[in-house]
Amino acid sequence: MALDIQIPGAASTAKIRNPIAVLVFGLITLGIYHIFWWYFINREMVDYGEANGVDLGDNPVMSVLAITLGALIIVPPFVSVFRTLRRIERAQNHALGSNNIAVILLFILIFIPLVNLVVFPVMQSNLNQVWERVS
């Protein structure tokens, strides 16, 4: 179950989600959950960034379009994943003063079948650290 927290300085909330649930729900729904999850994590980071003067993106819809329709062109999903990983890194730097996400390593793991299953839970775990700190 996800825990809603108020984003400081913003009128919106973020969710602290169970990282394993992100993986399981994505597998059960054949990836449909991940599309919605992708939108929500990017929206939460945009709201946090705007409230705190940090560049964490500005349009979560474009991130979703990149991983869905952009897959027809092949490159956009990888750009979206890389940029979202960088946003998580910047959010951690702002909220925690440091980060423990290895952007390049996680990006490379996306290309390895079955091993890539750990990427989304790790992303959510790192976001949870941000939301726990700012709540």
N, C-alpha and C. Protein backbone atom coordinates (compact mmCIF):
# COMPACT_ATOMS: atom_id res chain seq x y z
N MET A 1 0.83 -1.17 0.00
CA MET A 1 0.00 0.00 0.00
C MET A 1 0.89 1.24 0.00
N ALA A 2 0.50 2.23 -0.78
CA ALA A 2 1.26 3.46 -0.90
C ALA A 2 0.84 4.46 0.17
N LEU A 3 1.80 5.22 0.62
CA LEU A 3 1.57 6.24 1.64
C LEU A 3 1.69 7.60 0.99
N ASP A 4 0.62 8.40 1.05
CA ASP A 4 0.64 9.75 0.49
C ASP A 4 1.34 10.70 1.44
N ILE A 5 2.19 11.55 0.89
CA ILE A 5 2.83 12.60 1.68
C ILE A 5 2.67 13.92 0.92
N GLN A 6 2.57 14.99 1.67
CA GLN A 6 2.46 16.32 1.07
C GLN A 6 3.84 16.78 0.61
N ILE A 7 3.94 17.24 -0.61
CA ILE A 7 5.20 17.78 -1.12
C ILE A 7 5.34 19.18 -0.55
N PRO A 8 6.41 19.45 0.21
CA PRO A 8 6.58 20.77 0.82
C PRO A 8 6.61 21.88 -0.22
N GLY A 9 5.77 22.89 -0.01
CA GLY A 9 5.73 24.03 -0.91
C GLY A 9 4.87 23.82 -2.14
N ALA A 10 4.27 22.66 -2.27
CA ALA A 10 3.42 22.36 -3.43
C ALA A 10 2.02 21.97 -2.94
N ALA A 11 1.06 22.11 -3.81
CA ALA A 11 -0.31 21.76 -3.46
C ALA A 11 -0.61 20.30 -3.76
N SER A 12 0.39 19.55 -4.16
CA SER A 12 0.18 18.15 -4.55
C SER A 12 0.88 17.20 -3.58
N THR A 13 0.63 15.92 -3.82
CA THR A 13 1.21 14.90 -2.96
C THR A 13 2.10 13.97 -3.77
N ALA A 14 2.93 13.24 -3.06
CA ALA A 14 3.75 12.18 -3.65
C ALA A 14 3.43 10.90 -2.90
N LYS A 15 3.75 9.77 -3.49
CA LYS A 15 3.48 8.49 -2.84
C LYS A 15 4.77 7.76 -2.53
N ILE A 16 4.81 7.23 -1.33
CA ILE A 16 5.88 6.30 -0.97
C ILE A 16 5.32 4.92 -1.29
N ARG A 17 5.87 4.31 -2.34
CA ARG A 17 5.36 3.03 -2.83
C ARG A 17 6.31 1.91 -2.46
N ASN A 18 5.77 0.73 -2.34
CA ASN A 18 6.58 -0.46 -2.10
C ASN A 18 7.30 -0.79 -3.42
N PRO A 19 8.63 -0.80 -3.44
CA PRO A 19 9.36 -1.07 -4.69
C PRO A 19 9.04 -2.43 -5.30
N ILE A 20 8.83 -3.43 -4.47
CA ILE A 20 8.50 -4.76 -5.00
C ILE A 20 7.10 -4.74 -5.63
N ALA A 21 6.19 -3.97 -5.05
CA ALA A 21 4.85 -3.86 -5.62
C ALA A 21 4.89 -3.22 -7.00
N VAL A 22 5.80 -2.28 -7.20
CA VAL A 22 5.96 -1.66 -8.53
C VAL A 22 6.30 -2.73 -9.56
N LEU A 23 7.20 -3.62 -9.21
CA LEU A 23 7.58 -4.70 -10.11
C LEU A 23 6.42 -5.67 -10.32
N VAL A 24 5.82 -6.12 -9.24
CA VAL A 24 4.75 -7.13 -9.32
C VAL A 24 3.54 -6.61 -10.08
N PHE A 25 3.09 -5.39 -9.77
CA PHE A 25 1.94 -4.83 -10.48
C PHE A 25 2.24 -4.65 -11.96
N GLY A 26 3.47 -4.26 -12.28
CA GLY A 26 3.85 -4.13 -13.68
C GLY A 26 3.81 -5.45 -14.42
N LEU A 27 4.27 -6.51 -13.75
CA LEU A 27 4.24 -7.84 -14.38
C LEU A 27 2.81 -8.35 -14.52
N ILE A 28 2.01 -8.18 -13.48
CA ILE A 28 0.62 -8.67 -13.51
C ILE A 28 -0.19 -7.98 -14.60
N THR A 29 0.02 -6.68 -14.77
CA THR A 29 -0.75 -5.92 -15.76
C THR A 29 -0.07 -5.85 -17.12
N LEU A 30 0.98 -6.63 -17.29
CA LEU A 30 1.73 -6.67 -18.55
C LEU A 30 2.27 -5.29 -18.95
N GLY A 31 2.70 -4.53 -17.96
CA GLY A 31 3.34 -3.25 -18.21
C GLY A 31 2.44 -2.04 -18.16
N ILE A 32 1.14 -2.24 -18.11
CA ILE A 32 0.22 -1.09 -18.10
C ILE A 32 0.40 -0.28 -16.83
N TYR A 33 0.60 -0.94 -15.70
CA TYR A 33 0.84 -0.22 -14.44
C TYR A 33 2.08 0.66 -14.56
N HIS A 34 3.11 0.17 -15.23
CA HIS A 34 4.35 0.94 -15.35
C HIS A 34 4.14 2.24 -16.13
N ILE A 35 3.23 2.24 -17.07
CA ILE A 35 2.95 3.47 -17.82
C ILE A 35 2.38 4.51 -16.87
N PHE A 36 1.39 4.14 -16.05
CA PHE A 36 0.82 5.07 -15.09
C PHE A 36 1.84 5.46 -14.03
N TRP A 37 2.61 4.48 -13.55
CA TRP A 37 3.65 4.74 -12.56
C TRP A 37 4.66 5.75 -13.10
N TRP A 38 5.03 5.58 -14.37
CA TRP A 38 6.00 6.48 -15.00
C TRP A 38 5.49 7.91 -14.99
N TYR A 39 4.21 8.08 -15.34
CA TYR A 39 3.61 9.41 -15.31
C TYR A 39 3.65 9.98 -13.89
N PHE A 40 3.21 9.20 -12.92
CA PHE A 40 3.10 9.72 -11.56
C PHE A 40 4.45 10.06 -10.94
N ILE A 41 5.49 9.24 -11.14
CA ILE A 41 6.78 9.59 -10.55
C ILE A 41 7.34 10.84 -11.19
N ASN A 42 7.14 10.99 -12.50
CA ASN A 42 7.62 12.20 -13.17
C ASN A 42 6.82 13.42 -12.75
N ARG A 43 5.51 13.27 -12.57
CA ARG A 43 4.69 14.39 -12.10
C ARG A 43 5.09 14.81 -10.69
N GLU A 44 5.32 13.82 -9.82
CA GLU A 44 5.74 14.12 -8.45
C GLU A 44 7.06 14.88 -8.44
N MET A 45 8.00 14.47 -9.28
CA MET A 45 9.29 15.17 -9.33
C MET A 45 9.15 16.58 -9.90
N VAL A 46 8.28 16.76 -10.90
CA VAL A 46 8.04 18.10 -11.44
C VAL A 46 7.49 19.01 -10.34
N ASP A 47 6.50 18.52 -9.60
CA ASP A 47 5.90 19.31 -8.52
C ASP A 47 6.93 19.64 -7.45
N TYR A 48 7.75 18.67 -7.08
CA TYR A 48 8.78 18.90 -6.07
C TYR A 48 9.81 19.91 -6.58
N GLY A 49 10.19 19.77 -7.84
CA GLY A 49 11.17 20.69 -8.43
C GLY A 49 10.66 22.11 -8.50
N GLU A 50 9.40 22.28 -8.93
CA GLU A 50 8.84 23.62 -9.03
C GLU A 50 8.71 24.26 -7.65
N ALA A 51 8.36 23.49 -6.65
CA ALA A 51 8.20 24.03 -5.30
C ALA A 51 9.53 24.38 -4.65
N ASN A 52 10.61 23.77 -5.10
CA ASN A 52 11.90 23.96 -4.45
C ASN A 52 12.97 24.56 -5.35
N GLY A 53 12.60 24.99 -6.54
CA GLY A 53 13.56 25.64 -7.43
C GLY A 53 14.62 24.71 -7.99
N VAL A 54 14.25 23.47 -8.22
CA VAL A 54 15.18 22.49 -8.77
C VAL A 54 14.63 22.04 -10.13
N ASP A 55 15.49 21.93 -11.13
CA ASP A 55 15.04 21.49 -12.45
C ASP A 55 14.86 19.98 -12.45
N LEU A 56 13.61 19.55 -12.30
CA LEU A 56 13.29 18.12 -12.32
C LEU A 56 12.29 17.82 -13.43
N GLY A 57 12.42 18.52 -14.52
CA GLY A 57 11.53 18.30 -15.65
C GLY A 57 10.35 19.24 -15.60
N ASP A 58 9.56 19.21 -16.67
CA ASP A 58 8.40 20.10 -16.71
C ASP A 58 7.17 19.48 -17.35
N ASN A 59 7.29 18.31 -17.97
CA ASN A 59 6.14 17.74 -18.64
C ASN A 59 6.14 16.22 -18.53
N PRO A 60 5.46 15.68 -17.52
CA PRO A 60 5.43 14.22 -17.37
C PRO A 60 4.71 13.50 -18.51
N VAL A 61 3.83 14.19 -19.21
CA VAL A 61 3.12 13.56 -20.33
C VAL A 61 4.11 13.20 -21.44
N MET A 62 5.08 14.07 -21.68
CA MET A 62 6.08 13.78 -22.72
C MET A 62 6.92 12.56 -22.34
N SER A 63 7.19 12.39 -21.05
CA SER A 63 7.94 11.22 -20.61
C SER A 63 7.15 9.94 -20.91
N VAL A 64 5.85 10.00 -20.69
CA VAL A 64 5.01 8.82 -20.97
C VAL A 64 4.92 8.57 -22.47
N LEU A 65 4.74 9.63 -23.24
CA LEU A 65 4.68 9.46 -24.70
C LEU A 65 5.99 8.88 -25.23
N ALA A 66 7.09 9.25 -24.63
CA ALA A 66 8.39 8.74 -25.07
C ALA A 66 8.50 7.24 -24.82
N ILE A 67 7.98 6.76 -23.68
CA ILE A 67 8.12 5.32 -23.41
C ILE A 67 7.02 4.48 -24.05
N THR A 68 5.97 5.12 -24.58
CA THR A 68 4.90 4.36 -25.22
C THR A 68 5.00 4.52 -26.74
N LEU A 69 4.48 5.60 -27.26
CA LEU A 69 4.51 5.82 -28.71
C LEU A 69 5.92 6.01 -29.25
N GLY A 70 6.79 6.58 -28.42
CA GLY A 70 8.18 6.78 -28.84
C GLY A 70 8.91 5.49 -29.08
N ALA A 71 8.41 4.39 -28.53
CA ALA A 71 9.06 3.09 -28.73
C ALA A 71 9.05 2.70 -30.22
N LEU A 72 8.14 3.27 -30.99
CA LEU A 72 8.10 2.99 -32.42
C LEU A 72 9.35 3.52 -33.12
N ILE A 73 9.96 4.55 -32.55
CA ILE A 73 11.17 5.13 -33.12
C ILE A 73 12.42 4.52 -32.47
N ILE A 74 12.25 3.78 -31.41
CA ILE A 74 13.27 3.04 -30.66
C ILE A 74 14.03 3.91 -29.65
N VAL A 75 14.50 5.05 -30.01
CA VAL A 75 15.38 5.85 -29.14
C VAL A 75 14.65 6.56 -27.98
N PRO A 76 13.48 7.17 -28.18
CA PRO A 76 12.86 7.96 -27.11
C PRO A 76 12.67 7.26 -25.75
N PRO A 77 12.32 5.97 -25.71
CA PRO A 77 12.18 5.36 -24.38
C PRO A 77 13.49 5.36 -23.59
N PHE A 78 14.59 5.16 -24.27
CA PHE A 78 15.87 5.14 -23.58
C PHE A 78 16.26 6.54 -23.10
N VAL A 79 15.92 7.56 -23.89
CA VAL A 79 16.17 8.94 -23.48
C VAL A 79 15.32 9.26 -22.25
N SER A 80 14.06 8.84 -22.27
CA SER A 80 13.17 9.10 -21.13
C SER A 80 13.66 8.40 -19.87
N VAL A 81 14.10 7.16 -20.00
CA VAL A 81 14.61 6.43 -18.83
C VAL A 81 15.85 7.14 -18.29
N PHE A 82 16.76 7.51 -19.16
CA PHE A 82 17.99 8.17 -18.70
C PHE A 82 17.68 9.50 -18.02
N ARG A 83 16.79 10.28 -18.62
CA ARG A 83 16.46 11.59 -18.03
C ARG A 83 15.72 11.43 -16.70
N THR A 84 14.87 10.43 -16.60
CA THR A 84 14.16 10.20 -15.34
C THR A 84 15.14 9.76 -14.26
N LEU A 85 16.09 8.92 -14.61
CA LEU A 85 17.13 8.54 -13.65
C LEU A 85 17.91 9.76 -13.18
N ARG A 86 18.23 10.66 -14.10
CA ARG A 86 18.95 11.89 -13.74
C ARG A 86 18.09 12.78 -12.83
N ARG A 87 16.78 12.82 -13.08
CA ARG A 87 15.89 13.61 -12.22
C ARG A 87 15.86 13.05 -10.81
N ILE A 88 15.82 11.74 -10.70
CA ILE A 88 15.84 11.11 -9.37
C ILE A 88 17.15 11.47 -8.67
N GLU A 89 18.24 11.43 -9.42
CA GLU A 89 19.54 11.78 -8.86
C GLU A 89 19.54 13.23 -8.36
N ARG A 90 19.00 14.16 -9.15
CA ARG A 90 18.95 15.56 -8.74
C ARG A 90 18.03 15.76 -7.54
N ALA A 91 16.90 15.05 -7.51
CA ALA A 91 15.98 15.14 -6.37
C ALA A 91 16.67 14.64 -5.10
N GLN A 92 17.42 13.55 -5.21
CA GLN A 92 18.15 13.04 -4.05
C GLN A 92 19.22 14.03 -3.61
N ASN A 93 19.93 14.61 -4.54
CA ASN A 93 20.95 15.59 -4.19
C ASN A 93 20.34 16.77 -3.44
N HIS A 94 19.16 17.20 -3.88
CA HIS A 94 18.52 18.33 -3.23
C HIS A 94 17.98 17.95 -1.85
N ALA A 95 17.29 16.83 -1.76
CA ALA A 95 16.62 16.46 -0.50
C ALA A 95 17.58 15.85 0.51
N LEU A 96 18.52 15.04 0.04
CA LEU A 96 19.39 14.30 0.96
C LEU A 96 20.80 14.89 1.06
N GLY A 97 21.16 15.74 0.12
CA GLY A 97 22.52 16.27 0.10
C GLY A 97 23.49 15.34 -0.59
N SER A 98 23.03 14.18 -0.97
CA SER A 98 23.84 13.21 -1.71
C SER A 98 22.88 12.26 -2.42
N ASN A 99 23.45 11.35 -3.19
CA ASN A 99 22.58 10.36 -3.83
C ASN A 99 23.28 9.01 -3.82
N ASN A 100 22.48 7.98 -3.95
CA ASN A 100 23.07 6.64 -4.02
C ASN A 100 22.55 5.89 -5.24
N ILE A 101 22.14 6.65 -6.25
CA ILE A 101 21.66 6.02 -7.47
C ILE A 101 22.80 6.08 -8.50
N ALA A 102 23.10 4.96 -9.08
CA ALA A 102 24.13 4.88 -10.11
C ALA A 102 23.43 4.95 -11.47
N VAL A 103 23.28 6.16 -11.98
CA VAL A 103 22.50 6.41 -13.19
C VAL A 103 22.99 5.57 -14.36
N ILE A 104 24.28 5.60 -14.62
CA ILE A 104 24.83 4.88 -15.77
C ILE A 104 24.63 3.37 -15.61
N LEU A 105 24.89 2.86 -14.42
CA LEU A 105 24.73 1.42 -14.17
C LEU A 105 23.29 0.99 -14.39
N LEU A 106 22.34 1.73 -13.82
CA LEU A 106 20.93 1.38 -14.00
C LEU A 106 20.52 1.49 -15.46
N PHE A 107 21.04 2.51 -16.14
CA PHE A 107 20.72 2.66 -17.56
C PHE A 107 21.23 1.47 -18.36
N ILE A 108 22.42 0.99 -18.06
CA ILE A 108 22.97 -0.18 -18.75
C ILE A 108 22.16 -1.43 -18.43
N LEU A 109 21.70 -1.54 -17.19
CA LEU A 109 20.91 -2.72 -16.79
C LEU A 109 19.60 -2.83 -17.58
N ILE A 110 19.09 -1.71 -18.07
CA ILE A 110 17.86 -1.73 -18.87
C ILE A 110 18.02 -2.64 -20.09
N PHE A 111 19.23 -2.77 -20.60
CA PHE A 111 19.47 -3.54 -21.82
C PHE A 111 19.66 -5.04 -21.57
N ILE A 112 19.77 -5.45 -20.33
CA ILE A 112 20.04 -6.87 -20.02
C ILE A 112 18.73 -7.56 -19.62
N PRO A 113 18.26 -8.50 -20.44
CA PRO A 113 17.00 -9.18 -20.12
C PRO A 113 17.02 -9.83 -18.74
N LEU A 114 15.89 -9.78 -18.08
CA LEU A 114 15.65 -10.28 -16.73
C LEU A 114 16.35 -9.44 -15.66
N VAL A 115 17.58 -9.06 -15.88
CA VAL A 115 18.27 -8.19 -14.92
C VAL A 115 17.59 -6.82 -14.89
N ASN A 116 17.02 -6.43 -16.03
CA ASN A 116 16.36 -5.12 -16.10
C ASN A 116 15.13 -5.02 -15.20
N LEU A 117 14.68 -6.13 -14.67
CA LEU A 117 13.53 -6.11 -13.76
C LEU A 117 13.83 -5.36 -12.46
N VAL A 118 15.09 -5.22 -12.11
CA VAL A 118 15.44 -4.53 -10.86
C VAL A 118 15.44 -3.01 -11.00
N VAL A 119 15.42 -2.50 -12.22
CA VAL A 119 15.58 -1.06 -12.42
C VAL A 119 14.42 -0.26 -11.82
N PHE A 120 13.18 -0.62 -12.12
CA PHE A 120 12.05 0.15 -11.61
C PHE A 120 11.95 0.09 -10.09
N PRO A 121 12.11 -1.08 -9.46
CA PRO A 121 12.11 -1.08 -8.00
C PRO A 121 13.22 -0.23 -7.38
N VAL A 122 14.40 -0.23 -7.99
CA VAL A 122 15.50 0.60 -7.47
C VAL A 122 15.15 2.08 -7.64
N MET A 123 14.56 2.43 -8.76
CA MET A 123 14.15 3.82 -8.96
C MET A 123 13.15 4.24 -7.89
N GLN A 124 12.16 3.38 -7.64
CA GLN A 124 11.14 3.72 -6.64
C GLN A 124 11.74 3.79 -5.25
N SER A 125 12.66 2.91 -4.95
CA SER A 125 13.32 2.93 -3.65
C SER A 125 14.07 4.24 -3.43
N ASN A 126 14.74 4.71 -4.46
CA ASN A 126 15.47 5.98 -4.36
C ASN A 126 14.52 7.16 -4.23
N LEU A 127 13.40 7.11 -4.94
CA LEU A 127 12.41 8.17 -4.78
C LEU A 127 11.80 8.14 -3.38
N ASN A 128 11.58 6.95 -2.86
CA ASN A 128 11.04 6.83 -1.50
C ASN A 128 11.95 7.54 -0.49
N GLN A 129 13.27 7.45 -0.68
CA GLN A 129 14.19 8.14 0.21
C GLN A 129 13.97 9.64 0.18
N VAL A 130 13.70 10.18 -1.01
CA VAL A 130 13.43 11.61 -1.13
C VAL A 130 12.15 11.96 -0.39
N TRP A 131 11.09 11.21 -0.65
CA TRP A 131 9.78 11.53 -0.06
C TRP A 131 9.80 11.35 1.46
N GLU A 132 10.54 10.36 1.94
CA GLU A 132 10.64 10.16 3.39
C GLU A 132 11.38 11.33 4.04
N ARG A 133 12.38 11.85 3.38
CA ARG A 133 13.16 12.96 3.93
C ARG A 133 12.35 14.24 3.98
N VAL A 134 11.57 14.50 2.93
CA VAL A 134 10.86 15.79 2.87
C VAL A 134 9.51 15.75 3.59
N SER A 135 9.06 14.59 4.00
CA SER A 135 7.74 14.52 4.67
C SER A 135 7.81 14.97 6.10
